[in-house]
Amino acid sequence: MTSWQLTRLIGGTFILLSLALGVPSSPIFHSTNWLWFTAFVGANFLQSGITNWCLMETIMRKIGARAS
């Protein structure tokens, strides 16, 4: 997998997990404060789309993922 694919896979996983932990109707609900993490990941995706730079993708490249 390339660095951008891994970044989106990790980001999507973070969003789904934090929603599962933050939405009161979820069977694994913990606290609504997890929704702040969802917003953080979403804001990072937005920033990445605007600036064409993503810290997670840089980290993925440094640990050996192929550049896209």
C-alpha atoms as a PDB file:
ATOM      1  CA  MET A   1       0.000   0.000   0.000  1.00  0.00           C
ATOM      2  CA  THR A   2       1.108   3.533  -0.627  1.00  0.00           C
ATOM      3  CA  SER A   3       1.432   6.218   2.036  1.00  0.00           C
ATOM      4  CA  TRP A   4      -1.765   8.003   0.965  1.00  0.00           C
ATOM      5  CA  GLN A   5      -3.756   4.754   1.057  1.00  0.00           C
ATOM      6  CA  LEU A   6      -2.499   3.957   4.563  1.00  0.00           C
ATOM      7  CA  THR A   7      -3.261   7.499   5.713  1.00  0.00           C
ATOM      8  CA  ARG A   8      -6.864   7.282   4.532  1.00  0.00           C
ATOM      9  CA  LEU A   9      -7.257   3.774   5.972  1.00  0.00           C
ATOM     10  CA  ILE A  10      -6.016   4.910   9.386  1.00  0.00           C
ATOM     11  CA  GLY A  11      -8.070   8.129   9.265  1.00  0.00           C
ATOM     12  CA  GLY A  12     -11.245   6.267   8.360  1.00  0.00           C
ATOM     13  CA  THR A  13     -10.644   3.745  11.129  1.00  0.00           C
ATOM     14  CA  PHE A  14     -10.107   6.550  13.657  1.00  0.00           C
ATOM     15  CA  ILE A  15     -13.334   8.255  12.587  1.00  0.00           C
ATOM     16  CA  LEU A  16     -15.460   5.103  12.771  1.00  0.00           C
ATOM     17  CA  LEU A  17     -13.973   4.044  16.107  1.00  0.00           C
ATOM     18  CA  SER A  18     -14.370   7.461  17.707  1.00  0.00           C
ATOM     19  CA  LEU A  19     -17.970   7.663  16.471  1.00  0.00           C
ATOM     20  CA  ALA A  20     -18.674   4.227  17.937  1.00  0.00           C
ATOM     21  CA  LEU A  21     -17.230   5.371  21.259  1.00  0.00           C
ATOM     22  CA  GLY A  22     -18.912   8.799  21.209  1.00  0.00           C
ATOM     23  CA  VAL A  23     -22.473   8.246  20.008  1.00  0.00           C
ATOM     24  CA  PRO A  24     -24.820   7.372  22.904  1.00  0.00           C
ATOM     25  CA  SER A  25     -26.814   4.832  20.871  1.00  0.00           C
ATOM     26  CA  SER A  26     -23.670   2.791  20.102  1.00  0.00           C
ATOM     27  CA  PRO A  27     -23.244  -0.552  21.910  1.00  0.00           C
ATOM     28  CA  ILE A  28     -19.653   0.411  22.852  1.00  0.00           C
ATOM     29  CA  PHE A  29     -20.469   3.988  23.906  1.00  0.00           C
ATOM     30  CA  HIS A  30     -17.969   5.450  26.368  1.00  0.00           C
ATOM     31  CA  SER A  31     -18.226   9.252  26.352  1.00  0.00           C
ATOM     32  CA  THR A  32     -19.491  11.969  24.023  1.00  0.00           C
ATOM     33  CA  ASN A  33     -16.049  13.569  24.337  1.00  0.00           C
ATOM     34  CA  TRP A  34     -14.844  11.053  21.721  1.00  0.00           C
ATOM     35  CA  LEU A  35     -16.676  13.188  19.151  1.00  0.00           C
ATOM     36  CA  TRP A  36     -13.932  15.806  19.599  1.00  0.00           C
ATOM     37  CA  PHE A  37     -11.464  13.255  18.230  1.00  0.00           C
ATOM     38  CA  THR A  38     -13.773  12.704  15.247  1.00  0.00           C
ATOM     39  CA  ALA A  39     -13.771  16.467  14.623  1.00  0.00           C
ATOM     40  CA  PHE A  40      -9.964  16.570  14.939  1.00  0.00           C
ATOM     41  CA  VAL A  41      -9.473  13.855  12.314  1.00  0.00           C
ATOM     42  CA  GLY A  42     -12.002  15.530  10.015  1.00  0.00           C
ATOM     43  CA  ALA A  43     -10.231  18.881  10.405  1.00  0.00           C
ATOM     44  CA  ASN A  44      -6.934  17.217   9.507  1.00  0.00           C
ATOM     45  CA  PHE A  45      -8.483  15.741   6.359  1.00  0.00           C
ATOM     46  CA  LEU A  46      -9.808  19.189   5.467  1.00  0.00           C
ATOM     47  CA  GLN A  47      -6.406  20.815   6.066  1.00  0.00           C
ATOM     48  CA  SER A  48      -4.733  18.098   3.999  1.00  0.00           C
ATOM     49  CA  GLY A  49      -7.087  18.718   1.100  1.00  0.00           C
ATOM     50  CA  ILE A  50      -6.439  22.458   1.152  1.00  0.00           C
ATOM     51  CA  THR A  51      -2.664  22.460   1.669  1.00  0.00           C
ATOM     52  CA  ASN A  52      -1.807  19.159  -0.050  1.00  0.00           C
ATOM     53  CA  TRP A  53       0.288  18.169   3.012  1.00  0.00           C
ATOM     54  CA  CYS A  54      -0.528  15.617   5.687  1.00  0.00           C
ATOM     55  CA  LEU A  55       1.575  14.797   8.759  1.00  0.00           C
ATOM     56  CA  MET A  56       0.299  11.200   8.883  1.00  0.00           C
ATOM     57  CA  GLU A  57       1.392  10.626   5.293  1.00  0.00           C
ATOM     58  CA  THR A  58       4.848  12.003   6.129  1.00  0.00           C
ATOM     59  CA  ILE A  59       5.033   9.604   9.096  1.00  0.00           C
ATOM     60  CA  MET A  60       3.953   6.684   6.888  1.00  0.00           C
ATOM     61  CA  ARG A  61       6.757   7.465   4.424  1.00  0.00           C
ATOM     62  CA  LYS A  62       9.334   7.636   7.219  1.00  0.00           C
ATOM     63  CA  ILE A  63       8.361   4.186   8.476  1.00  0.00           C
ATOM     64  CA  GLY A  64       8.777   2.723   5.011  1.00  0.00           C
ATOM     65  CA  ALA A  65       5.514   3.066   3.062  1.00  0.00           C
ATOM     66  CA  ARG A  66       5.892   3.788  -0.634  1.00  0.00           C
ATOM     67  CA  ALA A  67       5.247   7.359  -1.761  1.00  0.00           C
ATOM     68  CA  SER A  68       2.296   7.694  -4.088  1.00  0.00           C
END
